[in-house]
Amino acid sequence: MEPKLYVGNLSYDTTEASLRAAFSQAGTVVAVDMIKD
């Protein structure tokens, strides 16, 4: 099973693309799920 990480304290300006770019430094990002109201 692929491990899922919780990412908190995000700026409201952060996008899925910028989050994917940051985490891709560590390896392959399978999915990014931004939680919205």
ModelCIF file with pLDDT and N, C-alpha, C, O atoms, coordinates in Angstrom:
data_MODEL
#
_entry.id   MODEL 
#
_entity.id                         1 
_entity.type                       polymer 
_entity.pdbx_number_of_molecules   1 
#
_entity_poly.entity_id                      1 
_entity_poly.type                           'polypeptide(L)' 
_entity_poly.nstd_linkage                   no 
_entity_poly.nstd_monomer                   no 
_entity_poly.pdbx_seq_one_letter_code       MEPKLYVGNLSYDTTEASLRAAFSQAGTVVAVDMIKD 
_entity_poly.pdbx_seq_one_letter_code_can   MEPKLYVGNLSYDTTEASLRAAFSQAGTVVAVDMIKD 
_entity_poly.pdbx_strand_id                 A 
#
loop_
_entity_poly_seq.entity_id 
_entity_poly_seq.num 
_entity_poly_seq.mon_id 
_entity_poly_seq.hetero 
1 1  MET n 
1 2  GLU n 
1 3  PRO n 
1 4  LYS n 
1 5  LEU n 
1 6  TYR n 
1 7  VAL n 
1 8  GLY n 
1 9  ASN n 
1 10 LEU n 
1 11 SER n 
1 12 TYR n 
1 13 ASP n 
1 14 THR n 
1 15 THR n 
1 16 GLU n 
1 17 ALA n 
1 18 SER n 
1 19 LEU n 
1 20 ARG n 
1 21 ALA n 
1 22 ALA n 
1 23 PHE n 
1 24 SER n 
1 25 GLN n 
1 26 ALA n 
1 27 GLY n 
1 28 THR n 
1 29 VAL n 
1 30 VAL n 
1 31 ALA n 
1 32 VAL n 
1 33 ASP n 
1 34 MET n 
1 35 ILE n 
1 36 LYS n 
1 37 ASP n 
#
_struct_asym.id          A 
_struct_asym.entity_id   1 
#
loop_
_ma_qa_metric.id 
_ma_qa_metric.mode 
_ma_qa_metric.name 
_ma_qa_metric.software_group_id 
_ma_qa_metric.type 
1 global pLDDT . pLDDT 
2 local  pLDDT . pLDDT 
#
_ma_qa_metric_global.metric_id      1 
_ma_qa_metric_global.metric_value   95.68 
_ma_qa_metric_global.model_id       1 
_ma_qa_metric_global.ordinal_id     1 
#
loop_
_ma_qa_metric_local.label_asym_id 
_ma_qa_metric_local.label_comp_id 
_ma_qa_metric_local.label_seq_id 
_ma_qa_metric_local.metric_id 
_ma_qa_metric_local.metric_value 
_ma_qa_metric_local.model_id 
_ma_qa_metric_local.ordinal_id 
A MET 1  2 80.00 1 1  
A GLU 2  2 91.00 1 2  
A PRO 3  2 96.00 1 3  
A LYS 4  2 97.00 1 4  
A LEU 5  2 98.00 1 5  
A TYR 6  2 98.00 1 6  
A VAL 7  2 98.00 1 7  
A GLY 8  2 98.00 1 8  
A ASN 9  2 98.00 1 9  
A LEU 10 2 97.00 1 10 
A SER 11 2 95.00 1 11 
A TYR 12 2 92.00 1 12 
A ASP 13 2 92.00 1 13 
A THR 14 2 94.00 1 14 
A THR 15 2 94.00 1 15 
A GLU 16 2 95.00 1 16 
A ALA 17 2 96.00 1 17 
A SER 18 2 96.00 1 18 
A LEU 19 2 96.00 1 19 
A ARG 20 2 97.00 1 20 
A ALA 21 2 97.00 1 21 
A ALA 22 2 97.00 1 22 
A PHE 23 2 98.00 1 23 
A SER 24 2 98.00 1 24 
A GLN 25 2 97.00 1 25 
A ALA 26 2 97.00 1 26 
A GLY 27 2 97.00 1 27 
A THR 28 2 97.00 1 28 
A VAL 29 2 98.00 1 29 
A VAL 30 2 98.00 1 30 
A ALA 31 2 97.00 1 31 
A VAL 32 2 97.00 1 32 
A ASP 33 2 97.00 1 33 
A MET 34 2 96.00 1 34 
A ILE 35 2 95.00 1 35 
A LYS 36 2 94.00 1 36 
A ASP 37 2 92.00 1 37 
#
loop_
_atom_site.group_PDB 
_atom_site.id 
_atom_site.type_symbol 
_atom_site.label_atom_id 
_atom_site.label_alt_id 
_atom_site.label_comp_id 
_atom_site.label_asym_id 
_atom_site.label_entity_id 
_atom_site.label_seq_id 
_atom_site.pdbx_PDB_ins_code 
_atom_site.Cartn_x 
_atom_site.Cartn_y 
_atom_site.Cartn_z 
_atom_site.occupancy 
_atom_site.B_iso_or_equiv 
_atom_site.pdbx_formal_charge 
_atom_site.auth_seq_id 
_atom_site.auth_comp_id 
_atom_site.auth_asym_id 
_atom_site.auth_atom_id 
_atom_site.pdbx_PDB_model_num 
ATOM 1   N N  . MET A 1 1  ? 0.839   -1.190 0.000  1.00 80.00 ? 1  MET A N  1 
ATOM 2   C CA . MET A 1 1  ? 0.000   0.000  0.000  1.00 80.00 ? 1  MET A CA 1 
ATOM 3   C C  . MET A 1 1  ? 0.876   1.241  0.000  1.00 80.00 ? 1  MET A C  1 
ATOM 4   O O  . MET A 1 1  ? 1.875   1.308  0.716  1.00 80.00 ? 1  MET A O  1 
ATOM 5   N N  . GLU A 1 2  ? 0.505   2.203  -0.790 1.00 91.00 ? 2  GLU A N  1 
ATOM 6   C CA . GLU A 1 2  ? 1.275   3.438  -0.887 1.00 91.00 ? 2  GLU A CA 1 
ATOM 7   C C  . GLU A 1 2  ? 1.022   4.304  0.350  1.00 91.00 ? 2  GLU A C  1 
ATOM 8   O O  . GLU A 1 2  ? -0.125  4.484  0.759  1.00 91.00 ? 2  GLU A O  1 
ATOM 9   N N  . PRO A 1 3  ? 2.094   4.840  0.946  1.00 96.00 ? 3  PRO A N  1 
ATOM 10  C CA . PRO A 1 3  ? 1.937   5.642  2.162  1.00 96.00 ? 3  PRO A CA 1 
ATOM 11  C C  . PRO A 1 3  ? 1.370   7.027  1.877  1.00 96.00 ? 3  PRO A C  1 
ATOM 12  O O  . PRO A 1 3  ? 1.742   7.688  0.908  1.00 96.00 ? 3  PRO A O  1 
ATOM 13  N N  . LYS A 1 4  ? 0.461   7.442  2.748  1.00 97.00 ? 4  LYS A N  1 
ATOM 14  C CA . LYS A 1 4  ? -0.175  8.744  2.612  1.00 97.00 ? 4  LYS A CA 1 
ATOM 15  C C  . LYS A 1 4  ? 0.347   9.643  3.722  1.00 97.00 ? 4  LYS A C  1 
ATOM 16  O O  . LYS A 1 4  ? 0.439   9.230  4.878  1.00 97.00 ? 4  LYS A O  1 
ATOM 17  N N  . LEU A 1 5  ? 0.691   10.885 3.359  1.00 98.00 ? 5  LEU A N  1 
ATOM 18  C CA . LEU A 1 5  ? 1.196   11.862 4.309  1.00 98.00 ? 5  LEU A CA 1 
ATOM 19  C C  . LEU A 1 5  ? 0.161   12.953 4.541  1.00 98.00 ? 5  LEU A C  1 
ATOM 20  O O  . LEU A 1 5  ? -0.528  13.385 3.616  1.00 98.00 ? 5  LEU A O  1 
ATOM 21  N N  . TYR A 1 6  ? 0.064   13.389 5.787  1.00 98.00 ? 6  TYR A N  1 
ATOM 22  C CA . TYR A 1 6  ? -0.742  14.546 6.135  1.00 98.00 ? 6  TYR A CA 1 
ATOM 23  C C  . TYR A 1 6  ? 0.169   15.761 6.024  1.00 98.00 ? 6  TYR A C  1 
ATOM 24  O O  . TYR A 1 6  ? 1.290   15.746 6.533  1.00 98.00 ? 6  TYR A O  1 
ATOM 25  N N  . VAL A 1 7  ? -0.301  16.803 5.369  1.00 98.00 ? 7  VAL A N  1 
ATOM 26  C CA . VAL A 1 7  ? 0.457   18.050 5.245  1.00 98.00 ? 7  VAL A CA 1 
ATOM 27  C C  . VAL A 1 7  ? -0.426  19.172 5.767  1.00 98.00 ? 7  VAL A C  1 
ATOM 28  O O  . VAL A 1 7  ? -1.444  19.511 5.163  1.00 98.00 ? 7  VAL A O  1 
ATOM 29  N N  . GLY A 1 8  ? -0.023  19.745 6.898  1.00 98.00 ? 8  GLY A N  1 
ATOM 30  C CA . GLY A 1 8  ? -0.817  20.788 7.528  1.00 98.00 ? 8  GLY A CA 1 
ATOM 31  C C  . GLY A 1 8  ? -0.133  22.136 7.518  1.00 98.00 ? 8  GLY A C  1 
ATOM 32  O O  . GLY A 1 8  ? 1.035   22.261 7.150  1.00 98.00 ? 8  GLY A O  1 
ATOM 33  N N  . ASN A 1 9  ? -0.890  23.149 7.932  1.00 98.00 ? 9  ASN A N  1 
ATOM 34  C CA . ASN A 1 9  ? -0.439  24.532 8.026  1.00 98.00 ? 9  ASN A CA 1 
ATOM 35  C C  . ASN A 1 9  ? -0.117  25.107 6.644  1.00 98.00 ? 9  ASN A C  1 
ATOM 36  O O  . ASN A 1 9  ? 0.814   25.898 6.492  1.00 98.00 ? 9  ASN A O  1 
ATOM 37  N N  . LEU A 1 10 ? -0.893  24.702 5.647  1.00 97.00 ? 10 LEU A N  1 
ATOM 38  C CA . LEU A 1 10 ? -0.679  25.209 4.294  1.00 97.00 ? 10 LEU A CA 1 
ATOM 39  C C  . LEU A 1 10 ? -1.210  26.622 4.149  1.00 97.00 ? 10 LEU A C  1 
ATOM 40  O O  . LEU A 1 10 ? -2.216  26.993 4.753  1.00 97.00 ? 10 LEU A O  1 
ATOM 41  N N  . SER A 1 11 ? -0.523  27.394 3.344  1.00 95.00 ? 11 SER A N  1 
ATOM 42  C CA . SER A 1 11 ? -1.010  28.712 2.962  1.00 95.00 ? 11 SER A CA 1 
ATOM 43  C C  . SER A 1 11 ? -2.227  28.521 2.067  1.00 95.00 ? 11 SER A C  1 
ATOM 44  O O  . SER A 1 11 ? -2.319  27.528 1.346  1.00 95.00 ? 11 SER A O  1 
ATOM 45  N N  . TYR A 1 12 ? -3.148  29.457 2.110  1.00 92.00 ? 12 TYR A N  1 
ATOM 46  C CA . TYR A 1 12 ? -4.304  29.365 1.218  1.00 92.00 ? 12 TYR A CA 1 
ATOM 47  C C  . TYR A 1 12 ? -3.901  29.640 -0.226 1.00 92.00 ? 12 TYR A C  1 
ATOM 48  O O  . TYR A 1 12 ? -4.696  29.429 -1.141 1.00 92.00 ? 12 TYR A O  1 
ATOM 49  N N  . ASP A 1 13 ? -2.663  30.113 -0.440 1.00 92.00 ? 13 ASP A N  1 
ATOM 50  C CA . ASP A 1 13 ? -2.141  30.344 -1.783 1.00 92.00 ? 13 ASP A CA 1 
ATOM 51  C C  . ASP A 1 13 ? -1.467  29.101 -2.375 1.00 92.00 ? 13 ASP A C  1 
ATOM 52  O O  . ASP A 1 13 ? -1.160  29.073 -3.567 1.00 92.00 ? 13 ASP A O  1 
ATOM 53  N N  . THR A 1 14 ? -1.239  28.086 -1.558 1.00 94.00 ? 14 THR A N  1 
ATOM 54  C CA . THR A 1 14 ? -0.577  26.867 -2.042 1.00 94.00 ? 14 THR A CA 1 
ATOM 55  C C  . THR A 1 14 ? -1.501  26.118 -2.995 1.00 94.00 ? 14 THR A C  1 
ATOM 56  O O  . THR A 1 14 ? -2.697  25.973 -2.739 1.00 94.00 ? 14 THR A O  1 
ATOM 57  N N  . THR A 1 15 ? -0.925  25.647 -4.095 1.00 94.00 ? 15 THR A N  1 
ATOM 58  C CA . THR A 1 15 ? -1.701  24.898 -5.088 1.00 94.00 ? 15 THR A CA 1 
ATOM 59  C C  . THR A 1 15 ? -1.264  23.436 -5.090 1.00 94.00 ? 15 THR A C  1 
ATOM 60  O O  . THR A 1 15 ? -0.230  23.084 -4.522 1.00 94.00 ? 15 THR A O  1 
ATOM 61  N N  . GLU A 1 16 ? -2.060  22.597 -5.731 1.00 95.00 ? 16 GLU A N  1 
ATOM 62  C CA . GLU A 1 16 ? -1.685  21.188 -5.875 1.00 95.00 ? 16 GLU A CA 1 
ATOM 63  C C  . GLU A 1 16 ? -0.366  21.075 -6.623 1.00 95.00 ? 16 GLU A C  1 
ATOM 64  O O  . GLU A 1 16 ? 0.464   20.228 -6.293 1.00 95.00 ? 16 GLU A O  1 
ATOM 65  N N  . ALA A 1 17 ? -0.168  21.918 -7.622 1.00 96.00 ? 17 ALA A N  1 
ATOM 66  C CA . ALA A 1 17 ? 1.066   21.864 -8.419 1.00 96.00 ? 17 ALA A CA 1 
ATOM 67  C C  . ALA A 1 17 ? 2.287   22.220 -7.575 1.00 96.00 ? 17 ALA A C  1 
ATOM 68  O O  . ALA A 1 17 ? 3.322   21.562 -7.682 1.00 96.00 ? 17 ALA A O  1 
ATOM 69  N N  . SER A 1 18 ? 2.182   23.256 -6.737 1.00 96.00 ? 18 SER A N  1 
ATOM 70  C CA . SER A 1 18 ? 3.340   23.639 -5.924 1.00 96.00 ? 18 SER A CA 1 
ATOM 71  C C  . SER A 1 18 ? 3.624   22.587 -4.852 1.00 96.00 ? 18 SER A C  1 
ATOM 72  O O  . SER A 1 18 ? 4.782   22.348 -4.508 1.00 96.00 ? 18 SER A O  1 
ATOM 73  N N  . LEU A 1 19 ? 2.583   21.963 -4.329 1.00 96.00 ? 19 LEU A N  1 
ATOM 74  C CA . LEU A 1 19 ? 2.755   20.905 -3.339 1.00 96.00 ? 19 LEU A CA 1 
ATOM 75  C C  . LEU A 1 19 ? 3.402   19.681 -3.992 1.00 96.00 ? 19 LEU A C  1 
ATOM 76  O O  . LEU A 1 19 ? 4.303   19.072 -3.416 1.00 96.00 ? 19 LEU A O  1 
ATOM 77  N N  . ARG A 1 20 ? 2.946   19.328 -5.181 1.00 97.00 ? 20 ARG A N  1 
ATOM 78  C CA . ARG A 1 20 ? 3.520   18.198 -5.922 1.00 97.00 ? 20 ARG A CA 1 
ATOM 79  C C  . ARG A 1 20 ? 5.001   18.468 -6.220 1.00 97.00 ? 20 ARG A C  1 
ATOM 80  O O  . ARG A 1 20 ? 5.831   17.569 -6.090 1.00 97.00 ? 20 ARG A O  1 
ATOM 81  N N  . ALA A 1 21 ? 5.327   19.681 -6.614 1.00 97.00 ? 21 ALA A N  1 
ATOM 82  C CA . ALA A 1 21 ? 6.719   20.030 -6.923 1.00 97.00 ? 21 ALA A CA 1 
ATOM 83  C C  . ALA A 1 21 ? 7.593   19.906 -5.678 1.00 97.00 ? 21 ALA A C  1 
ATOM 84  O O  . ALA A 1 21 ? 8.706   19.386 -5.755 1.00 97.00 ? 21 ALA A O  1 
ATOM 85  N N  . ALA A 1 22 ? 7.103   20.374 -4.540 1.00 97.00 ? 22 ALA A N  1 
ATOM 86  C CA . ALA A 1 22 ? 7.879   20.295 -3.301 1.00 97.00 ? 22 ALA A CA 1 
ATOM 87  C C  . ALA A 1 22 ? 8.118   18.844 -2.895 1.00 97.00 ? 22 ALA A C  1 
ATOM 88  O O  . ALA A 1 22 ? 9.238   18.483 -2.533 1.00 97.00 ? 22 ALA A O  1 
ATOM 89  N N  . PHE A 1 23 ? 7.086   18.011 -2.951 1.00 98.00 ? 23 PHE A N  1 
ATOM 90  C CA . PHE A 1 23 ? 7.210   16.620 -2.516 1.00 98.00 ? 23 PHE A CA 1 
ATOM 91  C C  . PHE A 1 23 ? 7.948   15.749 -3.528 1.00 98.00 ? 23 PHE A C  1 
ATOM 92  O O  . PHE A 1 23 ? 8.471   14.695 -3.168 1.00 98.00 ? 23 PHE A O  1 
ATOM 93  N N  . SER A 1 24 ? 7.996   16.171 -4.773 1.00 98.00 ? 24 SER A N  1 
ATOM 94  C CA . SER A 1 24 ? 8.715   15.380 -5.772 1.00 98.00 ? 24 SER A CA 1 
ATOM 95  C C  . SER A 1 24 ? 10.222  15.397 -5.519 1.00 98.00 ? 24 SER A C  1 
ATOM 96  O O  . SER A 1 24 ? 10.948  14.580 -6.085 1.00 98.00 ? 24 SER A O  1 
ATOM 97  N N  . GLN A 1 25 ? 10.700  16.313 -4.678 1.00 97.00 ? 25 GLN A N  1 
ATOM 98  C CA . GLN A 1 25 ? 12.111  16.309 -4.276 1.00 97.00 ? 25 GLN A CA 1 
ATOM 99  C C  . GLN A 1 25 ? 12.455  15.020 -3.526 1.00 97.00 ? 25 GLN A C  1 
ATOM 100 O O  . GLN A 1 25 ? 13.605  14.582 -3.529 1.00 97.00 ? 25 GLN A O  1 
ATOM 101 N N  . ALA A 1 26 ? 11.447  14.417 -2.885 1.00 97.00 ? 26 ALA A N  1 
ATOM 102 C CA . ALA A 1 26 ? 11.655  13.213 -2.079 1.00 97.00 ? 26 ALA A CA 1 
ATOM 103 C C  . ALA A 1 26 ? 11.400  11.932 -2.860 1.00 97.00 ? 26 ALA A C  1 
ATOM 104 O O  . ALA A 1 26 ? 11.776  10.852 -2.405 1.00 97.00 ? 26 ALA A O  1 
ATOM 105 N N  . GLY A 1 27 ? 10.774  12.029 -4.018 1.00 97.00 ? 27 GLY A N  1 
ATOM 106 C CA . GLY A 1 27 ? 10.475  10.830 -4.804 1.00 97.00 ? 27 GLY A CA 1 
ATOM 107 C C  . GLY A 1 27 ? 9.237   11.019 -5.654 1.00 97.00 ? 27 GLY A C  1 
ATOM 108 O O  . GLY A 1 27 ? 8.853   12.141 -5.987 1.00 97.00 ? 27 GLY A O  1 
ATOM 109 N N  . THR A 1 28 ? 8.621   9.905  -5.996 1.00 97.00 ? 28 THR A N  1 
ATOM 110 C CA . THR A 1 28 ? 7.457   9.913  -6.877 1.00 97.00 ? 28 THR A CA 1 
ATOM 111 C C  . THR A 1 28 ? 6.189   10.219 -6.091 1.00 97.00 ? 28 THR A C  1 
ATOM 112 O O  . THR A 1 28 ? 5.849   9.522  -5.135 1.00 97.00 ? 28 THR A O  1 
ATOM 113 N N  . VAL A 1 29 ? 5.501   11.266 -6.509 1.00 98.00 ? 29 VAL A N  1 
ATOM 114 C CA . VAL A 1 29 ? 4.229   11.643 -5.896 1.00 98.00 ? 29 VAL A CA 1 
ATOM 115 C C  . VAL A 1 29 ? 3.119   10.957 -6.689 1.00 98.00 ? 29 VAL A C  1 
ATOM 116 O O  . VAL A 1 29 ? 2.962   11.193 -7.887 1.00 98.00 ? 29 VAL A O  1 
ATOM 117 N N  . VAL A 1 30 ? 2.360   10.114 -6.013 1.00 98.00 ? 30 VAL A N  1 
ATOM 118 C CA . VAL A 1 30 ? 1.270   9.382  -6.659 1.00 98.00 ? 30 VAL A CA 1 
ATOM 119 C C  . VAL A 1 30 ? 0.022   10.244 -6.752 1.00 98.00 ? 30 VAL A C  1 
ATOM 120 O O  . VAL A 1 30 ? -0.654  10.256 -7.781 1.00 98.00 ? 30 VAL A O  1 
ATOM 121 N N  . ALA A 1 31 ? -0.291  10.974 -5.664 1.00 97.00 ? 31 ALA A N  1 
ATOM 122 C CA . ALA A 1 31 ? -1.493  11.807 -5.649 1.00 97.00 ? 31 ALA A CA 1 
ATOM 123 C C  . ALA A 1 31 ? -1.345  12.942 -4.651 1.00 97.00 ? 31 ALA A C  1 
ATOM 124 O O  . ALA A 1 31 ? -0.648  12.821 -3.643 1.00 97.00 ? 31 ALA A O  1 
ATOM 125 N N  . VAL A 1 32 ? -2.019  14.053 -4.952 1.00 97.00 ? 32 VAL A N  1 
ATOM 126 C CA . VAL A 1 32 ? -2.112  15.192 -4.035 1.00 97.00 ? 32 VAL A CA 1 
ATOM 127 C C  . VAL A 1 32 ? -3.589  15.503 -3.881 1.00 97.00 ? 32 VAL A C  1 
ATOM 128 O O  . VAL A 1 32 ? -4.280  15.775 -4.863 1.00 97.00 ? 32 VAL A O  1 
ATOM 129 N N  . ASP A 1 33 ? -4.070  15.462 -2.650 1.00 97.00 ? 33 ASP A N  1 
ATOM 130 C CA . ASP A 1 33 ? -5.485  15.759 -2.375 1.00 97.00 ? 33 ASP A CA 1 
ATOM 131 C C  . ASP A 1 33 ? -5.567  16.974 -1.463 1.00 97.00 ? 33 ASP A C  1 
ATOM 132 O O  . ASP A 1 33 ? -5.379  16.866 -0.251 1.00 97.00 ? 33 ASP A O  1 
ATOM 133 N N  . MET A 1 34 ? -5.850  18.140 -2.058 1.00 96.00 ? 34 MET A N  1 
ATOM 134 C CA . MET A 1 34 ? -6.042  19.364 -1.283 1.00 96.00 ? 34 MET A CA 1 
ATOM 135 C C  . MET A 1 34 ? -7.464  19.322 -0.723 1.00 96.00 ? 34 MET A C  1 
ATOM 136 O O  . MET A 1 34 ? -8.423  19.122 -1.468 1.00 96.00 ? 34 MET A O  1 
ATOM 137 N N  . ILE A 1 35 ? -7.592  19.507 0.563  1.00 95.00 ? 35 ILE A N  1 
ATOM 138 C CA . ILE A 1 35 ? -8.907  19.443 1.190  1.00 95.00 ? 35 ILE A CA 1 
ATOM 139 C C  . ILE A 1 35 ? -9.551  20.833 1.132  1.00 95.00 ? 35 ILE A C  1 
ATOM 140 O O  . ILE A 1 35 ? -8.960  21.836 1.531  1.00 95.00 ? 35 ILE A O  1 
ATOM 141 N N  . LYS A 1 36 ? -10.791 20.848 0.615  1.00 94.00 ? 36 LYS A N  1 
ATOM 142 C CA . LYS A 1 36 ? -11.503 22.114 0.435  1.00 94.00 ? 36 LYS A CA 1 
ATOM 143 C C  . LYS A 1 36 ? -12.854 22.058 1.126  1.00 94.00 ? 36 LYS A C  1 
ATOM 144 O O  . LYS A 1 36 ? -13.425 20.984 1.318  1.00 94.00 ? 36 LYS A O  1 
ATOM 145 N N  . ASP A 1 37 ? -13.351 23.212 1.492  1.00 92.00 ? 37 ASP A N  1 
ATOM 146 C CA . ASP A 1 37 ? -14.664 23.339 2.109  1.00 92.00 ? 37 ASP A CA 1 
ATOM 147 C C  . ASP A 1 37 ? -15.723 22.906 1.097  1.00 92.00 ? 37 ASP A C  1 
ATOM 148 O O  . ASP A 1 37 ? -16.915 22.931 1.403  1.00 92.00 ? 37 ASP A O  1 
#
